[in-house]
C-alpha cells in the first residue's frame, strides 16, 4: 500500500514539475513558492517509492543516485527558506540531475527492458547542460523541466504497475 502511495506521489510530482515549467509568468511569487514546495515534497516521496521498488536491482551507483537526488531537492528547499533571495536552485537542481543521471545510467545498464524514465532523466540532464552553455536557454530550461517531470510520471507509473513491495533476496 505504501509503495502505491509513493508511486502516486511520483506521478503527481512529475505532472506538477511539467506544469511548473510554464507557470513562472502566470502566478504570483507566493503561489509559485507554494507550488514549488508541494512539487518538491511529492518528488521526494516519489523518489522514495522509485528507490524502494527497485532497490534489489540497484547497486551502489543507483543508491547513490537516489540519495544525491534527494540531497539536491533538500538543498533547494533549505536555500529557499534560509537564504531568501539567494538562488540555491541552480546548485540544487544540478545536484538532483546528477543524482538522476547516476540512477538512470545504472538502470539502463542493469535492466534488460528499456524503460522511458531513465531516458527522460538523461535528456533533462543534457538539456540543462546545453542551457548552462547558453544554447537556447529559455527553451532548454523548459525542455529540461518537462523531461524531468515526464521521467517521474513514467517511473511512478512503473511503480504503480508493480506495486507489490520489493522482496530483498536472502544472502
N, C-alpha and C. Protein backbone atom coordinates (compact mmCIF):
# COMPACT_ATOMS: atom_id res chain seq x y z
N UNK A 1 0.82 -1.19 0.00
CA UNK A 1 0.00 0.00 0.00
C UNK A 1 0.87 1.27 0.00
N UNK A 2 1.88 1.29 0.85
CA UNK A 2 2.76 2.46 0.92
C UNK A 2 3.46 2.69 -0.42
N UNK A 3 3.88 1.62 -1.06
CA UNK A 3 4.57 1.75 -2.35
C UNK A 3 3.63 2.38 -3.38
N UNK A 4 2.35 2.01 -3.36
CA UNK A 4 1.38 2.63 -4.28
C UNK A 4 1.25 4.13 -4.02
N UNK A 5 1.17 4.51 -2.76
CA UNK A 5 1.06 5.93 -2.40
C UNK A 5 2.29 6.69 -2.90
N UNK A 6 3.47 6.09 -2.73
CA UNK A 6 4.70 6.74 -3.18
C UNK A 6 4.76 6.80 -4.71
N UNK A 7 4.22 5.79 -5.39
CA UNK A 7 4.14 5.81 -6.85
C UNK A 7 3.22 6.93 -7.33
N UNK A 8 2.10 7.10 -6.64
CA UNK A 8 1.17 8.19 -6.97
C UNK A 8 1.86 9.54 -6.74
N UNK A 9 2.63 9.64 -5.66
CA UNK A 9 3.38 10.88 -5.39
C UNK A 9 4.36 11.18 -6.52
N UNK A 10 5.02 10.14 -7.04
CA UNK A 10 5.96 10.33 -8.15
C UNK A 10 5.24 10.87 -9.38
N UNK A 11 4.10 10.29 -9.70
CA UNK A 11 3.33 10.75 -10.87
C UNK A 11 2.86 12.19 -10.65
N UNK A 12 2.29 12.46 -9.48
CA UNK A 12 1.79 13.81 -9.19
C UNK A 12 2.92 14.83 -9.19
N UNK A 13 4.05 14.47 -8.59
CA UNK A 13 5.21 15.38 -8.59
C UNK A 13 5.71 15.63 -10.00
N UNK A 14 5.73 14.60 -10.82
CA UNK A 14 6.15 14.76 -12.21
C UNK A 14 5.22 15.67 -13.00
N UNK A 15 3.92 15.46 -12.82
CA UNK A 15 2.94 16.32 -13.50
C UNK A 15 3.10 17.76 -13.05
N UNK A 16 3.24 17.97 -11.74
CA UNK A 16 3.43 19.34 -11.25
C UNK A 16 4.72 19.95 -11.77
N UNK A 17 5.79 19.15 -11.89
CA UNK A 17 7.05 19.70 -12.41
C UNK A 17 6.89 20.13 -13.86
N UNK A 18 6.13 19.37 -14.63
CA UNK A 18 5.85 19.77 -16.02
C UNK A 18 5.08 21.09 -16.02
N UNK A 19 4.05 21.17 -15.19
CA UNK A 19 3.24 22.40 -15.10
C UNK A 19 4.11 23.57 -14.64
N UNK A 20 5.00 23.31 -13.66
CA UNK A 20 5.89 24.36 -13.15
C UNK A 20 6.71 25.01 -14.26
N UNK A 21 7.01 24.25 -15.30
CA UNK A 21 7.84 24.76 -16.40
C UNK A 21 7.17 25.90 -17.15
N UNK A 22 5.85 26.02 -17.00
CA UNK A 22 5.10 27.02 -17.77
C UNK A 22 4.40 28.06 -16.91
N UNK A 23 4.65 28.08 -15.60
CA UNK A 23 3.87 28.94 -14.71
C UNK A 23 4.61 30.16 -14.18
N UNK A 24 5.88 30.30 -14.47
CA UNK A 24 6.67 31.37 -13.85
C UNK A 24 6.09 32.76 -14.11
N UNK A 25 5.51 32.98 -15.26
CA UNK A 25 4.97 34.31 -15.60
C UNK A 25 3.48 34.42 -15.31
N UNK A 26 2.87 33.35 -14.82
CA UNK A 26 1.42 33.34 -14.65
C UNK A 26 1.00 33.61 -13.20
N UNK A 27 1.68 32.94 -12.26
CA UNK A 27 1.28 33.02 -10.86
C UNK A 27 2.10 34.04 -10.09
N UNK A 28 1.56 34.45 -8.95
CA UNK A 28 2.27 35.37 -8.06
C UNK A 28 3.44 34.62 -7.42
N UNK A 29 4.44 35.36 -6.92
CA UNK A 29 5.57 34.70 -6.26
C UNK A 29 5.15 33.81 -5.09
N UNK A 30 4.16 34.23 -4.31
CA UNK A 30 3.74 33.40 -3.17
C UNK A 30 3.06 32.12 -3.64
N UNK A 31 2.28 32.18 -4.70
CA UNK A 31 1.64 30.99 -5.25
C UNK A 31 2.70 30.06 -5.84
N UNK A 32 3.66 30.63 -6.55
CA UNK A 32 4.75 29.81 -7.11
C UNK A 32 5.53 29.12 -6.01
N UNK A 33 5.81 29.84 -4.93
CA UNK A 33 6.55 29.27 -3.83
C UNK A 33 5.82 28.06 -3.25
N UNK A 34 4.53 28.18 -3.05
CA UNK A 34 3.73 27.07 -2.53
C UNK A 34 3.72 25.90 -3.53
N UNK A 35 3.56 26.21 -4.80
CA UNK A 35 3.56 25.18 -5.84
C UNK A 35 4.89 24.42 -5.85
N UNK A 36 6.00 25.15 -5.71
CA UNK A 36 7.32 24.51 -5.71
C UNK A 36 7.53 23.63 -4.48
N UNK A 37 7.05 24.08 -3.33
CA UNK A 37 7.18 23.27 -2.10
C UNK A 37 6.41 21.96 -2.26
N UNK A 38 5.19 22.06 -2.75
CA UNK A 38 4.37 20.85 -2.95
C UNK A 38 5.03 19.93 -3.97
N UNK A 39 5.51 20.50 -5.07
CA UNK A 39 6.18 19.70 -6.09
C UNK A 39 7.38 18.98 -5.50
N UNK A 40 8.22 19.70 -4.79
CA UNK A 40 9.43 19.09 -4.22
C UNK A 40 9.10 18.01 -3.20
N UNK A 41 8.08 18.23 -2.38
CA UNK A 41 7.67 17.21 -1.40
C UNK A 41 7.21 15.95 -2.13
N UNK A 42 6.42 16.11 -3.18
CA UNK A 42 5.96 14.95 -3.94
C UNK A 42 7.12 14.24 -4.63
N UNK A 43 8.08 15.01 -5.15
CA UNK A 43 9.24 14.39 -5.80
C UNK A 43 10.08 13.60 -4.80
N UNK A 44 10.24 14.12 -3.58
CA UNK A 44 10.98 13.38 -2.55
C UNK A 44 10.25 12.09 -2.17
N UNK A 45 8.94 12.17 -2.00
CA UNK A 45 8.18 10.95 -1.73
C UNK A 45 8.27 10.00 -2.92
N UNK A 46 8.19 10.57 -4.11
CA UNK A 46 8.25 9.75 -5.33
C UNK A 46 9.56 9.02 -5.49
N UNK A 47 10.68 9.69 -5.22
CA UNK A 47 11.98 9.02 -5.37
C UNK A 47 12.11 7.91 -4.33
N UNK A 48 11.48 8.10 -3.17
CA UNK A 48 11.49 7.03 -2.16
C UNK A 48 10.78 5.79 -2.70
N UNK A 49 9.64 5.99 -3.33
CA UNK A 49 8.91 4.86 -3.92
C UNK A 49 9.64 4.22 -5.08
N UNK A 50 10.25 5.05 -5.91
CA UNK A 50 11.02 4.54 -7.05
C UNK A 50 12.20 3.72 -6.53
N UNK A 51 12.90 4.27 -5.57
CA UNK A 51 14.04 3.54 -5.00
C UNK A 51 13.57 2.25 -4.33
N UNK A 52 12.54 2.35 -3.49
CA UNK A 52 12.06 1.19 -2.74
C UNK A 52 11.65 0.06 -3.69
N UNK A 53 10.99 0.41 -4.78
CA UNK A 53 10.50 -0.62 -5.71
C UNK A 53 11.63 -1.25 -6.51
N UNK A 54 12.77 -0.59 -6.59
CA UNK A 54 13.86 -1.10 -7.43
C UNK A 54 15.11 -1.49 -6.64
N UNK A 55 15.11 -1.30 -5.35
CA UNK A 55 16.35 -1.46 -4.59
C UNK A 55 17.02 -2.81 -4.70
N UNK A 56 16.30 -3.92 -4.86
CA UNK A 56 17.04 -5.19 -5.01
C UNK A 56 17.87 -5.24 -6.29
N UNK A 57 17.47 -4.46 -7.30
CA UNK A 57 18.18 -4.47 -8.58
C UNK A 57 19.21 -3.35 -8.72
N UNK A 58 19.24 -2.46 -7.74
CA UNK A 58 20.16 -1.33 -7.83
C UNK A 58 21.46 -1.65 -7.10
N UNK A 59 22.53 -1.15 -7.65
CA UNK A 59 23.82 -1.26 -6.98
C UNK A 59 24.16 0.04 -6.29
N UNK A 60 25.43 0.23 -6.07
CA UNK A 60 25.92 1.43 -5.38
C UNK A 60 25.57 2.70 -6.16
N UNK A 61 25.76 2.69 -7.48
CA UNK A 61 25.50 3.89 -8.27
C UNK A 61 24.03 4.31 -8.21
N UNK A 62 23.11 3.35 -8.29
CA UNK A 62 21.69 3.66 -8.22
C UNK A 62 21.29 4.20 -6.86
N UNK A 63 21.82 3.58 -5.81
CA UNK A 63 21.54 4.04 -4.45
C UNK A 63 22.11 5.43 -4.23
N UNK A 64 23.34 5.62 -4.65
CA UNK A 64 23.98 6.94 -4.54
C UNK A 64 23.22 7.98 -5.36
N UNK A 65 22.75 7.58 -6.54
CA UNK A 65 21.99 8.49 -7.39
C UNK A 65 20.70 8.95 -6.73
N UNK A 66 19.95 8.01 -6.15
CA UNK A 66 18.70 8.36 -5.48
C UNK A 66 18.97 9.28 -4.28
N UNK A 67 20.02 8.96 -3.52
CA UNK A 67 20.37 9.79 -2.37
C UNK A 67 20.84 11.19 -2.80
N UNK A 68 21.60 11.25 -3.88
CA UNK A 68 22.08 12.54 -4.40
C UNK A 68 20.91 13.38 -4.89
N UNK A 69 19.96 12.73 -5.56
CA UNK A 69 18.76 13.45 -5.99
C UNK A 69 18.08 14.09 -4.78
N UNK A 70 17.85 13.28 -3.74
CA UNK A 70 17.18 13.79 -2.55
C UNK A 70 17.96 14.94 -1.92
N UNK A 71 19.27 14.80 -1.87
CA UNK A 71 20.11 15.88 -1.33
C UNK A 71 19.94 17.17 -2.11
N UNK A 72 19.86 17.07 -3.43
CA UNK A 72 19.66 18.26 -4.26
C UNK A 72 18.34 18.95 -3.99
N UNK A 73 17.27 18.17 -3.85
CA UNK A 73 15.96 18.75 -3.56
C UNK A 73 15.96 19.38 -2.17
N UNK A 74 16.57 18.71 -1.22
CA UNK A 74 16.66 19.26 0.14
C UNK A 74 17.46 20.57 0.12
N UNK A 75 18.54 20.62 -0.66
CA UNK A 75 19.32 21.84 -0.80
C UNK A 75 18.45 22.99 -1.32
N UNK A 76 17.63 22.69 -2.33
CA UNK A 76 16.74 23.71 -2.90
C UNK A 76 15.80 24.25 -1.82
N UNK A 77 15.20 23.36 -1.05
CA UNK A 77 14.26 23.77 0.00
C UNK A 77 14.94 24.55 1.10
N UNK A 78 16.13 24.10 1.54
CA UNK A 78 16.85 24.81 2.60
C UNK A 78 17.27 26.20 2.12
N UNK A 79 17.81 26.27 0.90
CA UNK A 79 18.27 27.57 0.41
C UNK A 79 17.10 28.53 0.21
N UNK A 80 15.93 28.01 -0.15
CA UNK A 80 14.76 28.87 -0.34
C UNK A 80 14.26 29.43 1.00
N UNK A 81 14.41 28.67 2.07
CA UNK A 81 13.88 29.15 3.36
C UNK A 81 14.93 29.86 4.20
N UNK A 82 16.19 29.45 4.11
CA UNK A 82 17.24 30.04 4.95
C UNK A 82 17.86 31.25 4.28
N UNK A 83 17.97 31.21 2.96
CA UNK A 83 18.62 32.31 2.22
C UNK A 83 17.66 32.90 1.20
N UNK A 84 16.55 33.51 1.63
CA UNK A 84 15.62 34.08 0.65
C UNK A 84 16.33 35.09 -0.24
N UNK A 85 16.03 35.02 -1.50
CA UNK A 85 16.67 35.91 -2.45
C UNK A 85 17.92 35.32 -3.06
N UNK A 86 18.64 34.49 -2.31
CA UNK A 86 19.81 33.80 -2.86
C UNK A 86 19.29 32.66 -3.72
N UNK A 87 19.95 32.42 -4.83
CA UNK A 87 19.44 31.40 -5.73
C UNK A 87 20.20 30.10 -5.56
N UNK A 88 19.74 29.28 -4.63
CA UNK A 88 20.32 27.96 -4.45
C UNK A 88 19.70 26.94 -5.38
N UNK A 89 18.72 27.43 -6.18
CA UNK A 89 18.02 26.50 -7.07
C UNK A 89 18.97 25.86 -8.08
N UNK A 90 19.81 26.65 -8.73
CA UNK A 90 20.69 26.09 -9.77
C UNK A 90 21.58 24.99 -9.22
N UNK A 91 22.19 25.22 -8.06
CA UNK A 91 23.05 24.20 -7.47
C UNK A 91 22.24 22.97 -7.08
N UNK A 92 21.10 23.17 -6.42
CA UNK A 92 20.26 22.03 -6.04
C UNK A 92 19.75 21.26 -7.23
N UNK A 93 19.34 21.99 -8.28
CA UNK A 93 18.86 21.32 -9.50
C UNK A 93 19.98 20.52 -10.15
N UNK A 94 21.19 21.09 -10.18
CA UNK A 94 22.33 20.36 -10.76
C UNK A 94 22.63 19.10 -9.96
N UNK A 95 22.62 19.21 -8.64
CA UNK A 95 22.86 18.04 -7.79
C UNK A 95 21.80 16.98 -8.05
N UNK A 96 20.54 17.41 -8.11
CA UNK A 96 19.45 16.47 -8.35
C UNK A 96 19.57 15.78 -9.70
N UNK A 97 19.88 16.54 -10.73
CA UNK A 97 20.01 15.95 -12.07
C UNK A 97 21.20 14.99 -12.16
N UNK A 98 22.28 15.31 -11.48
CA UNK A 98 23.43 14.40 -11.45
C UNK A 98 23.00 13.09 -10.76
N UNK A 99 22.26 13.21 -9.68
CA UNK A 99 21.76 12.02 -9.00
C UNK A 99 20.87 11.17 -9.89
N UNK A 100 19.94 11.82 -10.59
CA UNK A 100 19.08 11.08 -11.50
C UNK A 100 19.88 10.49 -12.66
N UNK A 101 20.94 11.19 -13.08
CA UNK A 101 21.81 10.65 -14.13
C UNK A 101 22.47 9.36 -13.69
N UNK A 102 22.98 9.34 -12.46
CA UNK A 102 23.60 8.12 -11.92
C UNK A 102 22.58 6.98 -11.85
N UNK A 103 21.42 7.28 -11.30
CA UNK A 103 20.37 6.28 -11.19
C UNK A 103 19.98 5.77 -12.58
N UNK A 104 19.85 6.67 -13.54
CA UNK A 104 19.44 6.31 -14.89
C UNK A 104 20.45 5.43 -15.60
N UNK A 105 21.72 5.80 -15.51
CA UNK A 105 22.75 5.01 -16.18
C UNK A 105 22.78 3.60 -15.61
N UNK A 106 22.73 3.50 -14.28
CA UNK A 106 22.74 2.15 -13.69
C UNK A 106 21.51 1.36 -14.12
N UNK A 107 20.36 2.01 -14.12
CA UNK A 107 19.14 1.32 -14.50
C UNK A 107 19.20 0.85 -15.96
N UNK A 108 19.73 1.68 -16.83
CA UNK A 108 19.84 1.29 -18.24
C UNK A 108 20.83 0.14 -18.42
N UNK A 109 21.90 0.14 -17.63
CA UNK A 109 22.90 -0.93 -17.75
C UNK A 109 22.44 -2.24 -17.13
N UNK A 110 21.63 -2.18 -16.07
CA UNK A 110 21.23 -3.39 -15.35
C UNK A 110 19.95 -4.02 -15.86
N UNK A 111 19.05 -3.22 -16.41
CA UNK A 111 17.74 -3.72 -16.78
C UNK A 111 17.73 -4.13 -18.24
N UNK A 112 17.20 -5.29 -18.52
CA UNK A 112 17.15 -5.77 -19.91
C UNK A 112 16.11 -5.02 -20.72
N UNK A 113 15.01 -4.63 -20.09
CA UNK A 113 13.96 -3.89 -20.78
C UNK A 113 14.30 -2.40 -20.77
N UNK A 114 13.94 -1.73 -21.83
CA UNK A 114 14.19 -0.29 -21.93
C UNK A 114 12.97 0.45 -21.39
N UNK A 115 13.14 1.20 -20.33
CA UNK A 115 12.05 1.96 -19.71
C UNK A 115 12.27 3.44 -19.98
N UNK A 116 11.17 4.21 -20.11
CA UNK A 116 11.32 5.61 -20.50
C UNK A 116 11.89 6.55 -19.44
N UNK A 117 11.69 6.28 -18.15
CA UNK A 117 12.11 7.22 -17.11
C UNK A 117 13.60 7.57 -17.20
N UNK A 118 14.51 6.59 -17.28
CA UNK A 118 15.93 6.96 -17.35
C UNK A 118 16.27 7.76 -18.59
N UNK A 119 15.57 7.50 -19.67
CA UNK A 119 15.82 8.25 -20.91
C UNK A 119 15.37 9.70 -20.74
N UNK A 120 14.19 9.89 -20.16
CA UNK A 120 13.72 11.25 -19.89
C UNK A 120 14.69 12.00 -18.97
N UNK A 121 15.15 11.32 -17.90
CA UNK A 121 16.04 11.99 -16.95
C UNK A 121 17.39 12.33 -17.57
N UNK A 122 17.92 11.45 -18.40
CA UNK A 122 19.18 11.77 -19.08
C UNK A 122 18.97 12.90 -20.09
N UNK A 123 17.81 12.93 -20.75
CA UNK A 123 17.50 14.03 -21.66
C UNK A 123 17.43 15.34 -20.88
N UNK A 124 16.81 15.32 -19.69
CA UNK A 124 16.73 16.53 -18.86
C UNK A 124 18.13 17.02 -18.51
N UNK A 125 19.02 16.09 -18.17
CA UNK A 125 20.40 16.46 -17.85
C UNK A 125 21.09 17.10 -19.06
N UNK A 126 20.89 16.52 -20.24
CA UNK A 126 21.50 17.08 -21.45
C UNK A 126 20.92 18.45 -21.79
N UNK A 127 19.61 18.61 -21.64
CA UNK A 127 19.00 19.92 -21.88
C UNK A 127 19.55 20.96 -20.91
N UNK A 128 19.70 20.58 -19.65
CA UNK A 128 20.23 21.51 -18.64
C UNK A 128 21.67 21.90 -18.95
N UNK A 129 22.46 20.94 -19.38
CA UNK A 129 23.86 21.24 -19.74
C UNK A 129 23.90 22.19 -20.93
N UNK A 130 23.07 21.92 -21.94
CA UNK A 130 23.03 22.80 -23.12
C UNK A 130 22.63 24.22 -22.71
N UNK A 131 21.61 24.33 -21.84
CA UNK A 131 21.18 25.65 -21.37
C UNK A 131 22.27 26.35 -20.57
N UNK A 132 23.01 25.58 -19.77
CA UNK A 132 24.09 26.17 -18.98
C UNK A 132 25.19 26.74 -19.86
N UNK A 133 25.34 26.17 -21.06
CA UNK A 133 26.33 26.67 -22.01
C UNK A 133 25.76 27.73 -22.94
N UNK A 134 24.55 28.22 -22.63
CA UNK A 134 23.98 29.33 -23.37
C UNK A 134 23.24 28.96 -24.64
N UNK A 135 22.97 27.68 -24.85
CA UNK A 135 22.26 27.25 -26.04
C UNK A 135 20.76 27.34 -25.79
N UNK A 136 20.10 28.26 -26.47
CA UNK A 136 18.64 28.41 -26.37
C UNK A 136 18.16 28.25 -24.93
N UNK A 137 18.66 29.10 -24.06
CA UNK A 137 18.48 28.95 -22.62
C UNK A 137 17.02 28.77 -22.21
N UNK A 138 16.13 29.63 -22.68
CA UNK A 138 14.72 29.52 -22.29
C UNK A 138 14.12 28.20 -22.73
N UNK A 139 14.39 27.81 -23.96
CA UNK A 139 13.86 26.56 -24.48
C UNK A 139 14.44 25.36 -23.74
N UNK A 140 15.74 25.38 -23.48
CA UNK A 140 16.37 24.26 -22.77
C UNK A 140 15.88 24.15 -21.33
N UNK A 141 15.58 25.28 -20.71
CA UNK A 141 15.05 25.27 -19.34
C UNK A 141 13.68 24.60 -19.32
N UNK A 142 12.84 24.97 -20.25
CA UNK A 142 11.51 24.34 -20.34
C UNK A 142 11.65 22.87 -20.68
N UNK A 143 12.48 22.55 -21.67
CA UNK A 143 12.66 21.15 -22.09
C UNK A 143 13.19 20.30 -20.94
N UNK A 144 14.14 20.83 -20.17
CA UNK A 144 14.69 20.09 -19.03
C UNK A 144 13.60 19.83 -17.99
N UNK A 145 12.80 20.83 -17.68
CA UNK A 145 11.72 20.66 -16.70
C UNK A 145 10.67 19.65 -17.15
N UNK A 146 10.32 19.72 -18.43
CA UNK A 146 9.32 18.79 -18.96
C UNK A 146 9.87 17.36 -18.97
N UNK A 147 11.11 17.18 -19.42
CA UNK A 147 11.71 15.84 -19.44
C UNK A 147 11.87 15.29 -18.02
N UNK A 148 12.29 16.14 -17.11
CA UNK A 148 12.44 15.77 -15.70
C UNK A 148 11.10 15.26 -15.15
N UNK A 149 10.05 16.06 -15.36
CA UNK A 149 8.73 15.67 -14.88
C UNK A 149 8.21 14.42 -15.56
N UNK A 150 8.43 14.31 -16.87
CA UNK A 150 7.98 13.13 -17.61
C UNK A 150 8.67 11.87 -17.08
N UNK A 151 9.94 12.00 -16.68
CA UNK A 151 10.64 10.87 -16.09
C UNK A 151 9.97 10.40 -14.81
N UNK A 152 9.53 11.35 -13.98
CA UNK A 152 8.84 10.97 -12.74
C UNK A 152 7.47 10.36 -13.01
N UNK A 153 6.77 10.89 -14.02
CA UNK A 153 5.48 10.29 -14.38
C UNK A 153 5.70 8.85 -14.83
N UNK A 154 6.67 8.63 -15.70
CA UNK A 154 6.94 7.28 -16.21
C UNK A 154 7.40 6.35 -15.09
N UNK A 155 8.30 6.82 -14.24
CA UNK A 155 8.80 5.99 -13.15
C UNK A 155 7.68 5.68 -12.15
N UNK A 156 6.84 6.67 -11.85
CA UNK A 156 5.73 6.45 -10.94
C UNK A 156 4.73 5.46 -11.50
N UNK A 157 4.45 5.55 -12.78
CA UNK A 157 3.56 4.58 -13.42
C UNK A 157 4.14 3.17 -13.35
N UNK A 158 5.44 3.07 -13.50
CA UNK A 158 6.10 1.75 -13.39
C UNK A 158 5.98 1.22 -11.96
N UNK A 159 6.15 2.10 -10.97
CA UNK A 159 5.98 1.68 -9.58
C UNK A 159 4.55 1.18 -9.36
N UNK A 160 3.58 1.91 -9.88
CA UNK A 160 2.18 1.51 -9.72
C UNK A 160 1.86 0.20 -10.43
N UNK A 161 2.50 -0.03 -11.57
CA UNK A 161 2.27 -1.27 -12.31
C UNK A 161 2.82 -2.49 -11.57
N UNK A 162 3.84 -2.26 -10.75
CA UNK A 162 4.48 -3.34 -9.99
C UNK A 162 4.40 -3.02 -8.50
N UNK A 163 3.21 -2.73 -8.02
CA UNK A 163 3.06 -2.14 -6.68
C UNK A 163 3.27 -3.10 -5.51
N UNK A 164 3.66 -4.32 -5.77
CA UNK A 164 3.98 -5.16 -4.62
C UNK A 164 5.36 -4.76 -4.13
N UNK A 165 5.56 -4.71 -2.83
CA UNK A 165 6.87 -4.30 -2.31
C UNK A 165 7.98 -5.22 -2.79
N UNK A 166 9.11 -4.63 -3.03
CA UNK A 166 10.26 -5.40 -3.49
C UNK A 166 10.68 -6.38 -2.40
N UNK A 167 11.00 -7.58 -2.81
CA UNK A 167 11.48 -8.59 -1.88
C UNK A 167 12.99 -8.60 -1.92
N UNK A 168 13.58 -8.49 -0.77
CA UNK A 168 15.04 -8.49 -0.69
C UNK A 168 15.51 -9.94 -0.61
N UNK A 169 16.32 -10.36 -1.58
CA UNK A 169 16.77 -11.74 -1.56
C UNK A 169 17.61 -12.05 -0.32
N UNK A 170 17.44 -13.27 0.20
CA UNK A 170 18.25 -13.70 1.36
C UNK A 170 19.69 -13.86 0.93
N UNK A 171 20.60 -13.57 1.82
CA UNK A 171 22.02 -13.68 1.49
C UNK A 171 22.61 -14.90 2.12
